[in-house]
Amino acid sequence: MLYYLLFPLKDLFPFFNIFRYITFRAAMACITAFVLSLVLGPMLIRFLSRLELGQNVRKDDSAQLYDLHKKKQGTPTMGGILILFSIFVSTVLWADILNHFVLIVLFSTLWLGLTGFVDDYKKHIMKSSKGISASEKMLSQIGLGLIVGAFLFLVFPEMTRLDIPFLKDVSVDLGIFYIVLVILVIAGSSNAVNLTDGLDGLAIGIVIMVAFAFSILSYLSGNIKFSTYLLIPFIKGVGELSVFCAGILGAGLGFLWFNCYPASVFMGDVGSLALGGALGITALLIKKELLLIVVGGVFVLEALSVILQVASFRLTGKRIFKIAPIHHHFQFLGWQENKVIVRFWIIAALLALLTVVTIKIR
């Protein structure tokens, strides 16, 4: 919004020419989102506490896990509302809000945020033990994938090409099956972040690192000089997503201020589902679908641990891990919660750095 209000004044006030630079607006979006989260955080926590929207630690899931996490009982949740509000405000203020890529990510984030909100609403306000069912959640994600996938297939047919990392000028045209890829990426990334959100600050810390990497990759993909030099697909207008990703970075840092161990608030499904989906749709739009597996390696590991655990138990009656997702497995091995969190952060940071470096490998 500020881009349209102030940039046209550059002829009268040369200073406003700075609004043409995505790097400047991305930095300001990050700062704006961080300040909003930091300032509004205490008010939201008090509000959630008054409504008694606290975390419910269930003993029937696992007695040992209950003993490890019972001190979190009643901690305010649904703090993801703060993250999404900060992201939306910072993006609307600093991004080219009429850019179709920006509109797609905002629409997708809002869709999944509402899905998570309904889930949290049922669990914490209507006191339904499980919230919405897994099938209802999946149906919402598939519906979003169909809408976004069909739109990109019909309006931007060039987006259906799947870029292969590490190989020069190698891509695969998926055609109509691109819609299937969109569904898989959105559902997979959304659920993976949701599964990871089980320890204080774990999920949001990794989201921050992925968002930072994607902010850089978005800028490079939308800059014809850099994309040509690096031999990566140039996508006109996609550079604006670096502003959106910077908003996630700033909002995440602000939320982590309150969510770090020991957490004063949790993001809930309203935050985890939306953030996971936002990262997934960003990967699709900047044509880094396969690199999402690398940069989000910790999320992949968390989701894979659940899949393997369920499959192994149903097929053999035995469990691979003491408990899934895998971050709880390490807790059962005797690791302190903050040690698990920091070590997973270290891995995520290295994977984010590796992802950025790999664009030079062709």
Protein backbone atom coordinates (compact mmCIF):
# COMPACT_ATOMS: atom_id res chain seq x y z
CA MET A 1 0.00 0.00 0.00
CA LEU A 2 2.79 2.44 0.89
CA TYR A 3 4.41 1.49 -2.43
CA TYR A 4 1.45 2.96 -4.32
CA LEU A 5 1.01 5.92 -1.98
CA LEU A 6 4.59 7.13 -1.69
CA PHE A 7 6.56 5.88 -4.70
CA PRO A 8 4.63 8.14 -7.15
CA LEU A 9 5.87 11.11 -5.12
CA LYS A 10 9.51 10.38 -6.05
CA ASP A 11 9.61 13.27 -8.53
CA LEU A 12 8.70 15.75 -5.80
CA PHE A 13 10.60 14.02 -3.01
CA PRO A 14 13.54 11.98 -4.37
CA PHE A 15 13.79 10.08 -1.08
CA PHE A 16 10.63 8.13 -1.96
CA ASN A 17 12.50 6.52 -4.83
CA ILE A 18 13.73 4.08 -2.19
CA PHE A 19 10.33 2.38 -2.31
CA ARG A 20 11.20 0.91 -5.70
CA TYR A 21 13.73 -1.39 -4.04
CA ILE A 22 12.36 -4.71 -2.86
CA THR A 23 15.26 -5.13 -0.43
CA PHE A 24 14.26 -1.94 1.41
CA ARG A 25 10.60 -2.90 1.57
CA ALA A 26 11.43 -6.42 2.70
CA ALA A 27 13.57 -5.07 5.53
CA MET A 28 10.81 -2.69 6.58
CA ALA A 29 8.22 -5.49 6.43
CA CYS A 30 10.40 -7.58 8.74
CA ILE A 31 10.80 -4.72 11.22
CA THR A 32 7.10 -3.82 11.06
CA ALA A 33 5.98 -7.40 11.71
CA PHE A 34 8.48 -7.80 14.55
CA VAL A 35 7.38 -4.60 16.29
CA LEU A 36 3.70 -5.48 15.91
CA SER A 37 4.26 -8.93 17.41
CA LEU A 38 6.36 -7.55 20.24
CA VAL A 39 3.92 -4.77 21.14
CA LEU A 40 0.66 -6.68 20.73
CA GLY A 41 1.96 -9.96 22.19
CA PRO A 42 1.41 -9.18 25.90
CA MET A 43 -2.09 -7.84 25.21
CA LEU A 44 -3.06 -10.96 23.26
CA ILE A 45 -1.64 -13.26 25.96
CA ARG A 46 -3.69 -11.47 28.63
CA PHE A 47 -6.79 -11.65 26.42
CA LEU A 48 -6.36 -15.37 25.77
CA SER A 49 -5.77 -15.96 29.49
CA ARG A 50 -9.00 -14.14 30.40
CA LEU A 51 -10.90 -16.33 27.95
CA GLU A 52 -9.17 -19.37 29.49
CA LEU A 53 -7.99 -20.51 26.07
CA GLY A 54 -5.21 -22.62 27.50
CA GLN A 55 -3.28 -25.64 26.28
CA ASN A 56 -4.88 -28.93 27.26
CA VAL A 57 -2.24 -31.59 27.95
CA ARG A 58 -3.95 -34.96 27.54
CA LYS A 59 -2.85 -37.77 29.84
CA ASP A 60 -4.56 -40.49 27.79
CA ASP A 61 -2.22 -39.90 24.82
CA SER A 62 0.90 -40.92 26.77
CA ALA A 63 1.47 -40.95 30.51
CA GLN A 64 5.20 -40.31 30.09
CA LEU A 65 4.60 -37.42 27.70
CA TYR A 66 2.04 -36.01 30.12
CA ASP A 67 4.60 -36.02 32.93
CA LEU A 68 7.06 -34.15 30.70
CA HIS A 69 4.54 -31.51 29.59
CA LYS A 70 2.00 -31.21 32.42
CA LYS A 71 3.54 -27.89 33.51
CA LYS A 72 2.29 -26.43 30.21
CA GLN A 73 -1.32 -27.09 31.16
CA GLY A 74 -3.32 -23.89 30.77
CA THR A 75 -0.67 -21.95 28.86
CA PRO A 76 -2.53 -19.62 26.43
CA THR A 77 -2.82 -20.91 22.88
CA MET A 78 -4.12 -19.61 19.52
CA GLY A 79 -1.24 -17.12 19.50
CA GLY A 80 -0.95 -17.77 15.77
CA ILE A 81 -3.54 -15.03 15.37
CA LEU A 82 -0.81 -12.56 16.34
CA ILE A 83 1.61 -14.02 13.78
CA LEU A 84 -0.91 -13.89 10.94
CA PHE A 85 -2.05 -10.37 11.82
CA SER A 86 1.54 -9.11 11.82
CA ILE A 87 2.30 -10.85 8.51
CA PHE A 88 -0.78 -9.46 6.79
CA VAL A 89 -0.30 -5.89 8.02
CA SER A 90 3.39 -5.78 7.11
CA THR A 91 2.77 -7.32 3.69
CA VAL A 92 -0.13 -5.00 2.87
CA LEU A 93 1.94 -1.98 3.94
CA TRP A 94 5.20 -2.78 2.17
CA ALA A 95 4.51 -5.18 -0.72
CA ASP A 96 3.00 -4.52 -4.14
CA ILE A 97 -0.42 -5.61 -2.96
CA LEU A 98 -1.75 -5.91 -6.53
CA ASN A 99 0.96 -8.40 -7.43
CA HIS A 100 -0.77 -11.72 -8.26
CA PHE A 101 1.83 -13.78 -6.40
CA VAL A 102 1.33 -11.74 -3.24
CA LEU A 103 -2.44 -12.12 -3.52
CA ILE A 104 -2.09 -15.90 -3.93
CA VAL A 105 0.06 -16.34 -0.80
CA LEU A 106 -2.18 -14.06 1.27
CA PHE A 107 -5.29 -15.92 0.13
CA SER A 108 -3.70 -19.31 0.85
CA THR A 109 -2.42 -18.24 4.27
CA LEU A 110 -5.84 -16.86 5.22
CA TRP A 111 -7.59 -20.04 4.03
CA LEU A 112 -5.41 -22.31 6.15
CA GLY A 113 -5.44 -19.85 9.04
CA LEU A 114 -9.23 -20.05 9.12
CA THR A 115 -9.04 -23.84 8.97
CA GLY A 116 -6.71 -23.84 11.96
CA PHE A 117 -8.88 -21.29 13.76
CA VAL A 118 -11.95 -23.52 13.42
CA ASP A 119 -9.92 -26.44 14.76
CA ASP A 120 -8.68 -24.40 17.74
CA TYR A 121 -12.16 -22.95 18.29
CA LYS A 122 -13.68 -26.41 18.58
CA LYS A 123 -10.94 -27.67 20.89
CA HIS A 124 -10.57 -24.71 23.23
CA ILE A 125 -13.89 -22.89 23.13
CA MET A 126 -16.41 -25.63 22.34
CA LYS A 127 -14.26 -28.05 24.39
CA SER A 128 -14.23 -30.74 21.72
CA SER A 129 -11.32 -33.04 22.57
CA LYS A 130 -10.06 -33.49 19.00
CA GLY A 131 -11.23 -30.36 17.16
CA ILE A 132 -12.03 -30.90 13.50
CA SER A 133 -11.30 -34.37 12.16
CA ALA A 134 -8.19 -35.21 10.18
CA SER A 135 -10.33 -35.83 7.11
CA GLU A 136 -11.96 -32.40 7.40
CA LYS A 137 -8.56 -30.78 7.75
CA MET A 138 -7.24 -32.67 4.75
CA LEU A 139 -10.33 -31.77 2.73
CA SER A 140 -9.67 -28.09 3.38
CA GLN A 141 -6.05 -28.44 2.26
CA ILE A 142 -7.02 -30.37 -0.86
CA GLY A 143 -9.65 -27.77 -1.68
CA LEU A 144 -7.10 -24.98 -1.44
CA GLY A 145 -4.65 -26.99 -3.54
CA LEU A 146 -7.28 -27.51 -6.24
CA ILE A 147 -8.12 -23.81 -6.38
CA VAL A 148 -4.51 -22.59 -6.45
CA GLY A 149 -3.31 -25.38 -8.73
CA ALA A 150 -6.12 -24.88 -11.25
CA PHE A 151 -5.59 -21.12 -11.24
CA LEU A 152 -1.86 -21.41 -11.90
CA PHE A 153 -2.41 -24.11 -14.54
CA LEU A 154 -4.95 -22.02 -16.46
CA VAL A 155 -3.52 -18.51 -16.01
CA PHE A 156 0.23 -19.21 -15.76
CA PRO A 157 0.86 -22.39 -17.76
CA GLU A 158 4.62 -21.82 -17.55
CA MET A 159 4.40 -22.56 -13.83
CA THR A 160 3.68 -26.23 -14.53
CA ARG A 161 7.35 -26.94 -15.21
CA LEU A 162 9.12 -28.61 -12.28
CA ASP A 163 12.66 -27.28 -11.99
CA ILE A 164 15.27 -29.92 -11.10
CA PRO A 165 17.90 -28.61 -8.62
CA PHE A 166 21.60 -28.96 -9.39
CA LEU A 167 20.97 -29.54 -13.12
CA LYS A 168 21.40 -26.84 -15.75
CA ASP A 169 18.26 -26.00 -17.77
CA VAL A 170 16.55 -29.26 -16.77
CA SER A 171 12.86 -29.23 -15.92
CA VAL A 172 9.84 -31.49 -16.32
CA ASP A 173 6.50 -30.22 -17.63
CA LEU A 174 3.88 -31.82 -15.40
CA GLY A 175 0.92 -30.50 -17.36
CA ILE A 176 -2.40 -31.15 -15.64
CA PHE A 177 -0.59 -33.21 -12.97
CA TYR A 178 0.89 -29.95 -11.69
CA ILE A 179 -2.36 -29.52 -9.77
CA VAL A 180 -1.61 -32.78 -7.92
CA LEU A 181 1.83 -31.43 -7.02
CA VAL A 182 0.28 -28.24 -5.63
CA ILE A 183 -2.08 -30.28 -3.45
CA LEU A 184 0.74 -32.48 -2.15
CA VAL A 185 3.03 -29.54 -1.37
CA ILE A 186 0.38 -27.47 0.41
CA ALA A 187 -1.01 -30.39 2.43
CA GLY A 188 2.43 -31.81 3.19
CA SER A 189 4.04 -28.56 4.33
CA SER A 190 0.99 -27.46 6.32
CA ASN A 191 0.73 -30.75 8.21
CA ALA A 192 4.50 -31.05 8.69
CA VAL A 193 4.73 -27.71 10.52
CA ASN A 194 1.66 -28.65 12.53
CA LEU A 195 3.31 -31.91 13.66
CA THR A 196 6.53 -30.08 14.56
CA ASP A 197 4.73 -27.63 16.83
CA GLY A 198 5.11 -29.70 19.99
CA LEU A 199 7.93 -28.02 21.92
CA ASP A 200 8.39 -24.43 23.01
CA GLY A 201 9.66 -22.36 20.09
CA LEU A 202 10.61 -25.39 17.98
CA ALA A 203 8.29 -24.90 15.00
CA ILE A 204 8.41 -21.10 14.84
CA GLY A 205 12.21 -21.10 15.08
CA ILE A 206 12.48 -23.37 12.05
CA VAL A 207 9.81 -21.40 10.18
CA ILE A 208 11.96 -18.29 10.68
CA MET A 209 14.96 -19.98 9.07
CA VAL A 210 12.98 -21.30 6.12
CA ALA A 211 11.35 -17.89 5.61
CA PHE A 212 14.76 -16.21 5.61
CA ALA A 213 16.04 -18.61 2.93
CA PHE A 214 12.89 -18.18 0.84
CA SER A 215 13.12 -14.40 1.10
CA ILE A 216 16.54 -14.58 -0.55
CA LEU A 217 15.44 -17.13 -3.16
CA SER A 218 12.33 -15.09 -4.00
CA TYR A 219 14.40 -12.00 -4.61
CA LEU A 220 16.88 -13.86 -6.82
CA SER A 221 14.12 -15.59 -8.81
CA GLY A 222 12.41 -12.28 -9.48
CA ASN A 223 15.59 -10.47 -10.57
CA ILE A 224 16.43 -11.17 -14.20
CA LYS A 225 20.14 -10.38 -13.78
CA PHE A 226 20.66 -12.67 -10.79
CA SER A 227 18.45 -15.46 -12.12
CA THR A 228 20.25 -15.43 -15.47
CA TYR A 229 23.64 -15.50 -13.78
CA LEU A 230 22.62 -18.30 -11.41
CA LEU A 231 20.81 -20.27 -14.14
CA ILE A 232 17.58 -20.45 -12.18
CA PRO A 233 14.09 -19.81 -13.63
CA PHE A 234 13.25 -16.10 -13.87
CA ILE A 235 9.67 -15.40 -12.79
CA LYS A 236 8.57 -11.82 -13.34
CA GLY A 237 7.01 -10.29 -10.23
CA VAL A 238 7.86 -13.12 -7.85
CA GLY A 239 10.47 -10.95 -6.14
CA GLU A 240 7.64 -9.34 -4.18
CA LEU A 241 7.34 -12.58 -2.22
CA SER A 242 10.58 -11.66 -0.48
CA VAL A 243 8.55 -8.94 1.27
CA PHE A 244 5.98 -11.53 2.35
CA CYS A 245 8.68 -13.92 3.57
CA ALA A 246 10.38 -11.08 5.43
CA GLY A 247 7.04 -10.45 7.13
CA ILE A 248 6.97 -14.08 8.26
CA LEU A 249 10.54 -13.68 9.52
CA GLY A 250 9.73 -10.57 11.56
CA ALA A 251 6.42 -11.90 12.89
CA GLY A 252 8.12 -15.17 13.81
CA LEU A 253 10.91 -13.44 15.69
CA GLY A 254 8.38 -11.33 17.59
CA PHE A 255 6.31 -14.39 18.48
CA LEU A 256 9.41 -16.35 19.49
CA TRP A 257 10.03 -13.66 22.12
CA PHE A 258 7.01 -15.08 23.98
CA ASN A 259 7.08 -18.65 22.67
CA CYS A 260 10.68 -19.50 23.57
CA TYR A 261 11.28 -21.94 26.42
CA PRO A 262 9.45 -21.77 28.77
CA ALA A 263 6.64 -20.57 26.51
CA SER A 264 4.14 -17.93 27.59
CA VAL A 265 1.90 -18.67 24.58
CA PHE A 266 1.51 -21.30 21.87
CA MET A 267 0.59 -20.63 18.26
CA GLY A 268 -2.08 -23.33 17.95
CA ASP A 269 -3.30 -24.78 14.67
CA VAL A 270 -4.31 -21.32 13.47
CA GLY A 271 -0.61 -20.53 13.26
CA SER A 272 1.03 -23.85 12.38
CA LEU A 273 -1.31 -24.84 9.54
CA ALA A 274 -1.17 -21.37 7.99
CA LEU A 275 2.60 -20.95 8.26
CA GLY A 276 3.28 -24.39 6.83
CA GLY A 277 0.97 -23.75 3.92
CA ALA A 278 2.49 -20.29 3.35
CA LEU A 279 5.97 -21.79 3.03
CA GLY A 280 4.67 -24.51 0.72
CA ILE A 281 2.89 -22.14 -1.65
CA THR A 282 5.93 -19.85 -1.69
CA ALA A 283 8.11 -22.79 -2.75
CA LEU A 284 5.66 -23.51 -5.57
CA LEU A 285 5.56 -19.93 -6.82
CA ILE A 286 9.34 -19.48 -6.89
CA LYS A 287 9.76 -22.92 -8.50
CA LYS A 288 11.73 -24.40 -5.59
CA GLU A 289 9.35 -27.26 -4.84
CA LEU A 290 12.08 -29.88 -4.58
CA LEU A 291 14.37 -27.63 -2.56
CA LEU A 292 11.55 -27.38 0.00
CA ILE A 293 12.55 -30.89 1.03
CA VAL A 294 16.04 -29.61 1.85
CA VAL A 295 15.28 -26.27 3.48
CA GLY A 296 12.40 -27.81 5.42
CA GLY A 297 14.35 -30.96 6.20
CA VAL A 298 13.43 -30.92 9.89
CA PHE A 299 9.73 -30.64 9.01
CA VAL A 300 10.14 -33.53 6.57
CA LEU A 301 11.84 -35.61 9.26
CA GLU A 302 9.04 -34.89 11.73
CA ALA A 303 6.31 -35.88 9.26
CA LEU A 304 8.26 -38.92 8.08
CA SER A 305 8.71 -40.15 11.66
CA VAL A 306 4.93 -40.16 12.14
CA ILE A 307 4.30 -41.93 8.83
CA LEU A 308 6.93 -44.60 9.55
CA GLN A 309 5.70 -45.08 13.11
CA VAL A 310 2.09 -45.61 12.02
CA ALA A 311 3.05 -47.86 9.09
CA SER A 312 5.39 -49.99 11.20
CA PHE A 313 2.86 -50.46 14.00
CA ARG A 314 0.06 -51.42 11.62
CA LEU A 315 2.22 -53.82 9.59
CA THR A 316 4.35 -55.41 12.30
CA GLY A 317 2.83 -54.35 15.60
CA LYS A 318 6.17 -52.77 16.55
CA ARG A 319 7.21 -49.12 16.87
CA ILE A 320 10.35 -47.68 15.31
CA PHE A 321 10.52 -44.74 17.72
CA LYS A 322 9.64 -44.55 21.39
CA ILE A 323 7.02 -42.00 20.33
CA ALA A 324 6.33 -39.83 17.30
CA PRO A 325 6.82 -37.09 16.17
CA ILE A 326 10.54 -37.58 16.57
CA HIS A 327 11.18 -34.56 18.83
CA HIS A 328 9.29 -36.39 21.58
CA HIS A 329 11.39 -39.51 20.90
CA PHE A 330 14.51 -37.59 21.95
CA GLN A 331 12.73 -36.37 25.06
CA PHE A 332 11.99 -39.99 25.95
CA LEU A 333 15.71 -40.72 25.50
CA GLY A 334 16.40 -38.24 28.29
CA TRP A 335 17.20 -35.05 26.37
CA GLN A 336 15.98 -31.88 28.05
CA GLU A 337 13.36 -29.98 26.06
CA ASN A 338 15.53 -26.91 25.44
CA LYS A 339 18.37 -29.17 24.23
CA VAL A 340 16.08 -30.83 21.66
CA ILE A 341 14.86 -27.43 20.48
CA VAL A 342 18.29 -25.84 20.05
CA ARG A 343 19.76 -28.88 18.32
CA PHE A 344 16.87 -29.01 15.86
CA TRP A 345 17.33 -25.26 15.28
CA ILE A 346 21.01 -25.85 14.50
CA ILE A 347 20.11 -28.49 11.92
CA ALA A 348 17.45 -26.21 10.40
CA ALA A 349 19.90 -23.30 10.16
CA LEU A 350 22.46 -25.46 8.38
CA LEU A 351 19.81 -26.75 5.96
CA ALA A 352 18.67 -23.19 5.21
CA LEU A 353 22.25 -22.15 4.51
CA LEU A 354 22.79 -25.24 2.35
CA THR A 355 19.63 -24.45 0.36
CA VAL A 356 20.81 -20.93 -0.47
CA VAL A 357 24.26 -22.22 -1.43
CA THR A 358 22.86 -24.93 -3.73
CA ILE A 359 21.46 -22.41 -6.22
CA LYS A 360 25.05 -21.84 -7.35
CA ILE A 361 25.49 -25.57 -8.02
CA ARG A 362 24.39 -26.26 -11.59
